[in-house]
Amino acid sequence: EGWLIVEHLREKPLGTGYNVLSGKFEDMVKAGIVDPAKVVRSALQNAASVASLMLTTQAMVVEKPEEDERGSGAPSMPPM
């Protein structure tokens, strides 16, 4: 029952969750179960860090993408 799990989780320390696969209460980070909100926050922090680095740098080296001269292999459709 879901309400029983919630009651047990209220008594456990922060970061503890219920692993449905094992049927145990575990520390979610140690078990490798990452909260999606934490993943999003980490991604945004990393993106902001890279963006600030790019804004404060004097010069950057980038790779220009090569254009594929072979085409798609199929002839293009005539205009309508």
PDB file of N, CA and C in Angstrom:
ATOM      1  N   GLU A   1       0.826  -1.180   0.000  1.00  0.00           N
ATOM      2  CA  GLU A   1       0.000   0.000   0.000  1.00  0.00           C
ATOM      3  C   GLU A   1       0.875   1.251   0.000  1.00  0.00           C
ATOM      4  N   GLY A   2       0.514   2.208  -0.840  1.00  0.00           N
ATOM      5  CA  GLY A   2       1.292   3.432  -0.968  1.00  0.00           C
ATOM      6  C   GLY A   2       1.356   4.263   0.291  1.00  0.00           C
ATOM      7  N   TRP A   3       0.265   4.340   1.020  1.00  0.00           N
ATOM      8  CA  TRP A   3       0.244   5.167   2.217  1.00  0.00           C
ATOM      9  C   TRP A   3       1.167   4.620   3.299  1.00  0.00           C
ATOM     10  N   LEU A   4       1.348   3.286   3.337  1.00  0.00           N
ATOM     11  CA  LEU A   4       2.279   2.692   4.304  1.00  0.00           C
ATOM     12  C   LEU A   4       3.717   3.095   3.992  1.00  0.00           C
ATOM     13  N   ILE A   5       4.046   3.088   2.712  1.00  0.00           N
ATOM     14  CA  ILE A   5       5.397   3.480   2.295  1.00  0.00           C
ATOM     15  C   ILE A   5       5.649   4.936   2.662  1.00  0.00           C
ATOM     16  N   VAL A   6       4.663   5.797   2.418  1.00  0.00           N
ATOM     17  CA  VAL A   6       4.804   7.217   2.754  1.00  0.00           C
ATOM     18  C   VAL A   6       4.997   7.398   4.254  1.00  0.00           C
ATOM     19  N   GLU A   7       4.259   6.671   5.056  1.00  0.00           N
ATOM     20  CA  GLU A   7       4.403   6.770   6.513  1.00  0.00           C
ATOM     21  C   GLU A   7       5.804   6.354   6.957  1.00  0.00           C
ATOM     22  N   HIS A   8       6.331   5.280   6.373  1.00  0.00           N
ATOM     23  CA  HIS A   8       7.695   4.843   6.711  1.00  0.00           C
ATOM     24  C   HIS A   8       8.717   5.886   6.270  1.00  0.00           C
ATOM     25  N   LEU A   9       8.509   6.495   5.107  1.00  0.00           N
ATOM     26  CA  LEU A   9       9.459   7.487   4.601  1.00  0.00           C
ATOM     27  C   LEU A   9       9.475   8.747   5.459  1.00  0.00           C
ATOM     28  N   ARG A  10       8.369   9.085   6.057  1.00  0.00           N
ATOM     29  CA  ARG A  10       8.322  10.268   6.930  1.00  0.00           C
ATOM     30  C   ARG A  10       9.198  10.088   8.161  1.00  0.00           C
ATOM     31  N   GLU A  11       9.403   8.857   8.572  1.00  0.00           N
ATOM     32  CA  GLU A  11      10.224   8.573   9.747  1.00  0.00           C
ATOM     33  C   GLU A  11      11.704   8.435   9.400  1.00  0.00           C
ATOM     34  N   LYS A  12      12.021   8.266   8.120  1.00  0.00           N
ATOM     35  CA  LYS A  12      13.398   8.051   7.671  1.00  0.00           C
ATOM     36  C   LYS A  12      14.092   9.392   7.424  1.00  0.00           C
ATOM     37  N   PRO A  13      15.440   9.404   7.395  1.00  0.00           N
ATOM     38  CA  PRO A  13      16.167  10.643   7.105  1.00  0.00           C
ATOM     39  C   PRO A  13      15.953  11.103   5.658  1.00  0.00           C
ATOM     40  N   LEU A  14      16.203  12.399   5.431  1.00  0.00           N
ATOM     41  CA  LEU A  14      16.064  12.984   4.101  1.00  0.00           C
ATOM     42  C   LEU A  14      16.990  12.270   3.116  1.00  0.00           C
ATOM     43  N   GLY A  15      16.510  11.977   1.937  1.00  0.00           N
ATOM     44  CA  GLY A  15      17.296  11.270   0.932  1.00  0.00           C
ATOM     45  C   GLY A  15      16.996   9.788   0.867  1.00  0.00           C
ATOM     46  N   THR A  16      16.213   9.316   1.809  1.00  0.00           N
ATOM     47  CA  THR A  16      15.825   7.910   1.816  1.00  0.00           C
ATOM     48  C   THR A  16      14.577   7.741   0.969  1.00  0.00           C
ATOM     49  N   GLY A  17      14.533   6.658   0.222  1.00  0.00           N
ATOM     50  CA  GLY A  17      13.374   6.378  -0.612  1.00  0.00           C
ATOM     51  C   GLY A  17      13.108   4.893  -0.661  1.00  0.00           C
ATOM     52  N   TYR A  18      12.040   4.540  -1.317  1.00  0.00           N
ATOM     53  CA  TYR A  18      11.642   3.141  -1.432  1.00  0.00           C
ATOM     54  C   TYR A  18      12.040   2.629  -2.803  1.00  0.00           C
ATOM     55  N   ASN A  19      12.905   1.618  -2.837  1.00  0.00           N
ATOM     56  CA  ASN A  19      13.325   0.987  -4.081  1.00  0.00           C
ATOM     57  C   ASN A  19      12.332  -0.129  -4.393  1.00  0.00           C
ATOM     58  N   VAL A  20      11.540   0.079  -5.418  1.00  0.00           N
ATOM     59  CA  VAL A  20      10.488  -0.880  -5.754  1.00  0.00           C
ATOM     60  C   VAL A  20      11.078  -2.203  -6.224  1.00  0.00           C
ATOM     61  N   LEU A  21      12.204  -2.148  -6.930  1.00  0.00           N
ATOM     62  CA  LEU A  21      12.803  -3.382  -7.450  1.00  0.00           C
ATOM     63  C   LEU A  21      13.291  -4.300  -6.337  1.00  0.00           C
ATOM     64  N   SER A  22      13.918  -3.711  -5.313  1.00  0.00           N
ATOM     65  CA  SER A  22      14.427  -4.542  -4.220  1.00  0.00           C
ATOM     66  C   SER A  22      13.431  -4.665  -3.069  1.00  0.00           C
ATOM     67  N   GLY A  23      12.457  -3.766  -3.005  1.00  0.00           N
ATOM     68  CA  GLY A  23      11.492  -3.790  -1.909  1.00  0.00           C
ATOM     69  C   GLY A  23      12.060  -3.270  -0.605  1.00  0.00           C
ATOM     70  N   LYS A  24      13.118  -2.450  -0.680  1.00  0.00           N
ATOM     71  CA  LYS A  24      13.781  -1.945   0.519  1.00  0.00           C
ATOM     72  C   LYS A  24      13.797  -0.422   0.531  1.00  0.00           C
ATOM     73  N   PHE A  25      13.935   0.140   1.741  1.00  0.00           N
ATOM     74  CA  PHE A  25      14.157   1.566   1.907  1.00  0.00           C
ATOM     75  C   PHE A  25      15.662   1.783   1.857  1.00  0.00           C
ATOM     76  N   GLU A  26      16.096   2.678   0.972  1.00  0.00           N
ATOM     77  CA  GLU A  26      17.531   2.886   0.767  1.00  0.00           C
ATOM     78  C   GLU A  26      17.835   4.367   0.624  1.00  0.00           C
ATOM     79  N   ASP A  27      19.126   4.697   0.804  1.00  0.00           N
ATOM     80  CA  ASP A  27      19.612   6.028   0.450  1.00  0.00           C
ATOM     81  C   ASP A  27      19.642   6.064  -1.076  1.00  0.00           C
ATOM     82  N   MET A  28      18.847   6.922  -1.665  1.00  0.00           N
ATOM     83  CA  MET A  28      18.653   6.924  -3.117  1.00  0.00           C
ATOM     84  C   MET A  28      19.940   7.232  -3.885  1.00  0.00           C
ATOM     85  N   VAL A  29      20.756   8.151  -3.386  1.00  0.00           N
ATOM     86  CA  VAL A  29      21.993   8.509  -4.084  1.00  0.00           C
ATOM     87  C   VAL A  29      22.979   7.353  -4.038  1.00  0.00           C
ATOM     88  N   LYS A  30      23.127   6.719  -2.880  1.00  0.00           N
ATOM     89  CA  LYS A  30      24.042   5.580  -2.761  1.00  0.00           C
ATOM     90  C   LYS A  30      23.586   4.406  -3.612  1.00  0.00           C
ATOM     91  N   ALA A  31      22.271   4.267  -3.781  1.00  0.00           N
ATOM     92  CA  ALA A  31      21.730   3.176  -4.594  1.00  0.00           C
ATOM     93  C   ALA A  31      21.800   3.490  -6.087  1.00  0.00           C
ATOM     94  N   GLY A  32      22.196   4.726  -6.425  1.00  0.00           N
ATOM     95  CA  GLY A  32      22.297   5.098  -7.834  1.00  0.00           C
ATOM     96  C   GLY A  32      20.981   5.539  -8.444  1.00  0.00           C
ATOM     97  N   ILE A  33      20.015   5.825  -7.600  1.00  0.00           N
ATOM     98  CA  ILE A  33      18.715   6.307  -8.075  1.00  0.00           C
ATOM     99  C   ILE A  33      18.712   7.818  -7.887  1.00  0.00           C
ATOM    100  N   VAL A  34      18.840   8.541  -8.998  1.00  0.00           N
ATOM    101  CA  VAL A  34      18.993   9.989  -8.937  1.00  0.00           C
ATOM    102  C   VAL A  34      17.651  10.657  -9.200  1.00  0.00           C
ATOM    103  N   ASP A  35      17.346  11.649  -8.411  1.00  0.00           N
ATOM    104  CA  ASP A  35      16.114  12.420  -8.575  1.00  0.00           C
ATOM    105  C   ASP A  35      16.196  13.231  -9.863  1.00  0.00           C
ATOM    106  N   PRO A  36      15.210  13.142 -10.741  1.00  0.00           N
ATOM    107  CA  PRO A  36      15.253  13.912 -11.983  1.00  0.00           C
ATOM    108  C   PRO A  36      15.411  15.412 -11.753  1.00  0.00           C
ATOM    109  N   ALA A  37      14.852  15.949 -10.682  1.00  0.00           N
ATOM    110  CA  ALA A  37      15.010  17.376 -10.400  1.00  0.00           C
ATOM    111  C   ALA A  37      16.474  17.704 -10.138  1.00  0.00           C
ATOM    112  N   LYS A  38      17.165  16.801  -9.476  1.00  0.00           N
ATOM    113  CA  LYS A  38      18.578  17.019  -9.195  1.00  0.00           C
ATOM    114  C   LYS A  38      19.392  16.952 -10.485  1.00  0.00           C
ATOM    115  N   VAL A  39      19.017  16.079 -11.396  1.00  0.00           N
ATOM    116  CA  VAL A  39      19.704  15.967 -12.680  1.00  0.00           C
ATOM    117  C   VAL A  39      19.524  17.250 -13.477  1.00  0.00           C
ATOM    118  N   VAL A  40      18.304  17.761 -13.512  1.00  0.00           N
ATOM    119  CA  VAL A  40      18.021  18.999 -14.247  1.00  0.00           C
ATOM    120  C   VAL A  40      18.789  20.163 -13.640  1.00  0.00           C
ATOM    121  N   ARG A  41      18.791  20.253 -12.323  1.00  0.00           N
ATOM    122  CA  ARG A  41      19.504  21.343 -11.656  1.00  0.00           C
ATOM    123  C   ARG A  41      20.997  21.276 -11.965  1.00  0.00           C
ATOM    124  N   SER A  42      21.562  20.093 -11.916  1.00  0.00           N
ATOM    125  CA  SER A  42      22.981  19.918 -12.213  1.00  0.00           C
ATOM    126  C   SER A  42      23.289  20.298 -13.657  1.00  0.00           C
ATOM    127  N   ALA A  43      22.424  19.909 -14.587  1.00  0.00           N
ATOM    128  CA  ALA A  43      22.631  20.249 -15.995  1.00  0.00           C
ATOM    129  C   ALA A  43      22.579  21.756 -16.204  1.00  0.00           C
ATOM    130  N   LEU A  44      21.638  22.429 -15.554  1.00  0.00           N
ATOM    131  CA  LEU A  44      21.536  23.885 -15.683  1.00  0.00           C
ATOM    132  C   LEU A  44      22.742  24.591 -15.070  1.00  0.00           C
ATOM    133  N   GLN A  45      23.223  24.097 -13.947  1.00  0.00           N
ATOM    134  CA  GLN A  45      24.403  24.695 -13.327  1.00  0.00           C
ATOM    135  C   GLN A  45      25.625  24.526 -14.222  1.00  0.00           C
ATOM    136  N   ASN A  46      25.785  23.346 -14.816  1.00  0.00           N
ATOM    137  CA  ASN A  46      26.914  23.118 -15.711  1.00  0.00           C
ATOM    138  C   ASN A  46      26.813  23.988 -16.959  1.00  0.00           C
ATOM    139  N   ALA A  47      25.611  24.127 -17.519  1.00  0.00           N
ATOM    140  CA  ALA A  47      25.423  24.965 -18.705  1.00  0.00           C
ATOM    141  C   ALA A  47      25.733  26.423 -18.392  1.00  0.00           C
ATOM    142  N   ALA A  48      25.297  26.903 -17.242  1.00  0.00           N
ATOM    143  CA  ALA A  48      25.577  28.282 -16.849  1.00  0.00           C
ATOM    144  C   ALA A  48      27.071  28.488 -16.639  1.00  0.00           C
ATOM    145  N   SER A  49      27.734  27.500 -16.095  1.00  0.00           N
ATOM    146  CA  SER A  49      29.176  27.588 -15.885  1.00  0.00           C
ATOM    147  C   SER A  49      29.917  27.694 -17.211  1.00  0.00           C
ATOM    148  N   VAL A  50      29.543  26.865 -18.171  1.00  0.00           N
ATOM    149  CA  VAL A  50      30.184  26.900 -19.491  1.00  0.00           C
ATOM    150  C   VAL A  50      29.869  28.217 -20.192  1.00  0.00           C
ATOM    151  N   ALA A  51      28.625  28.679 -20.091  1.00  0.00           N
ATOM    152  CA  ALA A  51      28.236  29.937 -20.734  1.00  0.00           C
ATOM    153  C   ALA A  51      29.023  31.106 -20.157  1.00  0.00           C
ATOM    154  N   SER A  52      29.186  31.158 -18.845  1.00  0.00           N
ATOM    155  CA  SER A  52      29.949  32.253 -18.246  1.00  0.00           C
ATOM    156  C   SER A  52      31.415  32.172 -18.638  1.00  0.00           C
ATOM    157  N   LEU A  53      31.941  30.982 -18.777  1.00  0.00           N
ATOM    158  CA  LEU A  53      33.317  30.817 -19.228  1.00  0.00           C
ATOM    159  C   LEU A  53      33.481  31.334 -20.656  1.00  0.00           C
ATOM    160  N   MET A  54      32.509  31.028 -21.512  1.00  0.00           N
ATOM    161  CA  MET A  54      32.572  31.480 -22.898  1.00  0.00           C
ATOM    162  C   MET A  54      32.439  33.000 -23.000  1.00  0.00           C
ATOM    163  N   LEU A  55      31.634  33.604 -22.129  1.00  0.00           N
ATOM    164  CA  LEU A  55      31.444  35.052 -22.169  1.00  0.00           C
ATOM    165  C   LEU A  55      32.668  35.811 -21.676  1.00  0.00           C
ATOM    166  N   THR A  56      33.429  35.230 -20.783  1.00  0.00           N
ATOM    167  CA  THR A  56      34.573  35.936 -20.212  1.00  0.00           C
ATOM    168  C   THR A  56      35.885  35.619 -20.909  1.00  0.00           C
ATOM    169  N   THR A  57      35.875  34.748 -21.877  1.00  0.00           N
ATOM    170  CA  THR A  57      37.117  34.384 -22.547  1.00  0.00           C
ATOM    171  C   THR A  57      37.414  35.366 -23.679  1.00  0.00           C
ATOM    172  N   GLN A  58      38.674  35.554 -24.014  1.00  0.00           N
ATOM    173  CA  GLN A  58      39.095  36.482 -25.065  1.00  0.00           C
ATOM    174  C   GLN A  58      38.919  35.888 -26.454  1.00  0.00           C
ATOM    175  N   ALA A  59      39.124  34.585 -26.586  1.00  0.00           N
ATOM    176  CA  ALA A  59      39.016  33.941 -27.897  1.00  0.00           C
ATOM    177  C   ALA A  59      38.619  32.485 -27.705  1.00  0.00           C
ATOM    178  N   MET A  60      37.959  31.940 -28.740  1.00  0.00           N
ATOM    179  CA  MET A  60      37.564  30.539 -28.704  1.00  0.00           C
ATOM    180  C   MET A  60      37.926  29.886 -30.025  1.00  0.00           C
ATOM    181  N   VAL A  61      38.193  28.598 -29.986  1.00  0.00           N
ATOM    182  CA  VAL A  61      38.447  27.814 -31.188  1.00  0.00           C
ATOM    183  C   VAL A  61      37.282  26.847 -31.331  1.00  0.00           C
ATOM    184  N   VAL A  62      36.655  26.885 -32.495  1.00  0.00           N
ATOM    185  CA  VAL A  62      35.531  25.992 -32.760  1.00  0.00           C
ATOM    186  C   VAL A  62      35.783  25.249 -34.053  1.00  0.00           C
ATOM    187  N   GLU A  63      35.067  24.170 -34.238  1.00  0.00           N
ATOM    188  CA  GLU A  63      35.200  23.372 -35.448  1.00  0.00           C
ATOM    189  C   GLU A  63      34.041  23.685 -36.375  1.00  0.00           C
ATOM    190  N   LYS A  64      34.371  24.042 -37.626  1.00  0.00           N
ATOM    191  CA  LYS A  64      33.335  24.339 -38.607  1.00  0.00           C
ATOM    192  C   LYS A  64      32.810  23.018 -39.156  1.00  0.00           C
ATOM    193  N   PRO A  65      31.487  22.817 -39.119  1.00  0.00           N
ATOM    194  CA  PRO A  65      30.945  21.557 -39.645  1.00  0.00           C
ATOM    195  C   PRO A  65      31.133  21.470 -41.154  1.00  0.00           C
ATOM    196  N   GLU A  66      31.482  20.285 -41.606  1.00  0.00           N
ATOM    197  CA  GLU A  66      31.675  20.079 -43.040  1.00  0.00           C
ATOM    198  C   GLU A  66      30.338  19.839 -43.708  1.00  0.00           C
ATOM    199  N   GLU A  67      30.180  20.406 -44.904  1.00  0.00           N
ATOM    200  CA  GLU A  67      28.954  20.189 -45.661  1.00  0.00           C
ATOM    201  C   GLU A  67      29.090  18.892 -46.436  1.00  0.00           C
ATOM    202  N   ASP A  68      28.039  18.109 -46.424  1.00  0.00           N
ATOM    203  CA  ASP A  68      28.025  16.837 -47.134  1.00  0.00           C
ATOM    204  C   ASP A  68      27.713  17.103 -48.602  1.00  0.00           C
ATOM    205  N   GLU A  69      28.672  16.816 -49.479  1.00  0.00           N
ATOM    206  CA  GLU A  69      28.482  17.090 -50.906  1.00  0.00           C
ATOM    207  C   GLU A  69      27.760  15.960 -51.616  1.00  0.00           C
ATOM    208  N   ARG A  70      27.575  14.840 -50.974  1.00  0.00           N
ATOM    209  CA  ARG A  70      26.931  13.701 -51.612  1.00  0.00           C
ATOM    210  C   ARG A  70      25.433  13.903 -51.771  1.00  0.00           C
ATOM    211  N   GLY A  71      24.835  14.713 -50.964  1.00  0.00           N
ATOM    212  CA  GLY A  71      23.395  14.884 -51.022  1.00  0.00           C
ATOM    213  C   GLY A  71      22.683  13.760 -50.297  1.00  0.00           C
ATOM    214  N   SER A  72      21.371  13.724 -50.434  1.00  0.00           N
ATOM    215  CA  SER A  72      20.587  12.729 -49.715  1.00  0.00           C
ATOM    216  C   SER A  72      20.473  11.418 -50.470  1.00  0.00           C
ATOM    217  N   GLY A  73      20.847  11.396 -51.757  1.00  0.00           N
ATOM    218  CA  GLY A  73      20.767  10.165 -52.526  1.00  0.00           C
ATOM    219  C   GLY A  73      19.487  10.038 -53.313  1.00  0.00           C
ATOM    220  N   ALA A  74      18.487  10.780 -52.942  1.00  0.00           N
ATOM    221  CA  ALA A  74      17.210  10.747 -53.656  1.00  0.00           C
ATOM    222  C   ALA A  74      17.007  12.091 -54.348  1.00  0.00           C
ATOM    223  N   PRO A  75      16.408  12.089 -55.533  1.00  0.00           N
ATOM    224  CA  PRO A  75      16.184  13.368 -56.210  1.00  0.00           C
ATOM    225  C   PRO A  75      15.161  14.207 -55.452  1.00  0.00           C
ATOM    226  N   SER A  76      15.325  15.517 -55.551  1.00  0.00           N
ATOM    227  CA  SER A  76      14.389  16.384 -54.853  1.00  0.00           C
ATOM    228  C   SER A  76      13.053  16.417 -55.578  1.00  0.00           C
ATOM    229  N   MET A  77      12.016  16.743 -54.840  1.00  0.00           N
ATOM    230  CA  MET A  77      10.680  16.800 -55.424  1.00  0.00           C
ATOM    231  C   MET A  77      10.487  18.143 -56.124  1.00  0.00           C
ATOM    232  N   PRO A  78       9.734  18.159 -57.213  1.00  0.00           N
ATOM    233  CA  PRO A  78       9.482  19.435 -57.895  1.00  0.00           C
ATOM    234  C   PRO A  78       8.595  20.330 -57.034  1.00  0.00           C
ATOM    235  N   PRO A  79       8.716  21.651 -57.205  1.00  0.00           N
ATOM    236  CA  PRO A  79       7.868  22.558 -56.420  1.00  0.00           C
ATOM    237  C   PRO A  79       6.400  22.411 -56.795  1.00  0.00           C
ATOM    238  N   MET A  80       5.522  22.702 -55.859  1.00  0.00           N
ATOM    239  CA  MET A  80       4.081  22.582 -56.108  1.00  0.00           C
ATOM    240  C   MET A  80       3.506  23.866 -56.629  1.00  0.00           C
TER     241      MET A  80
END
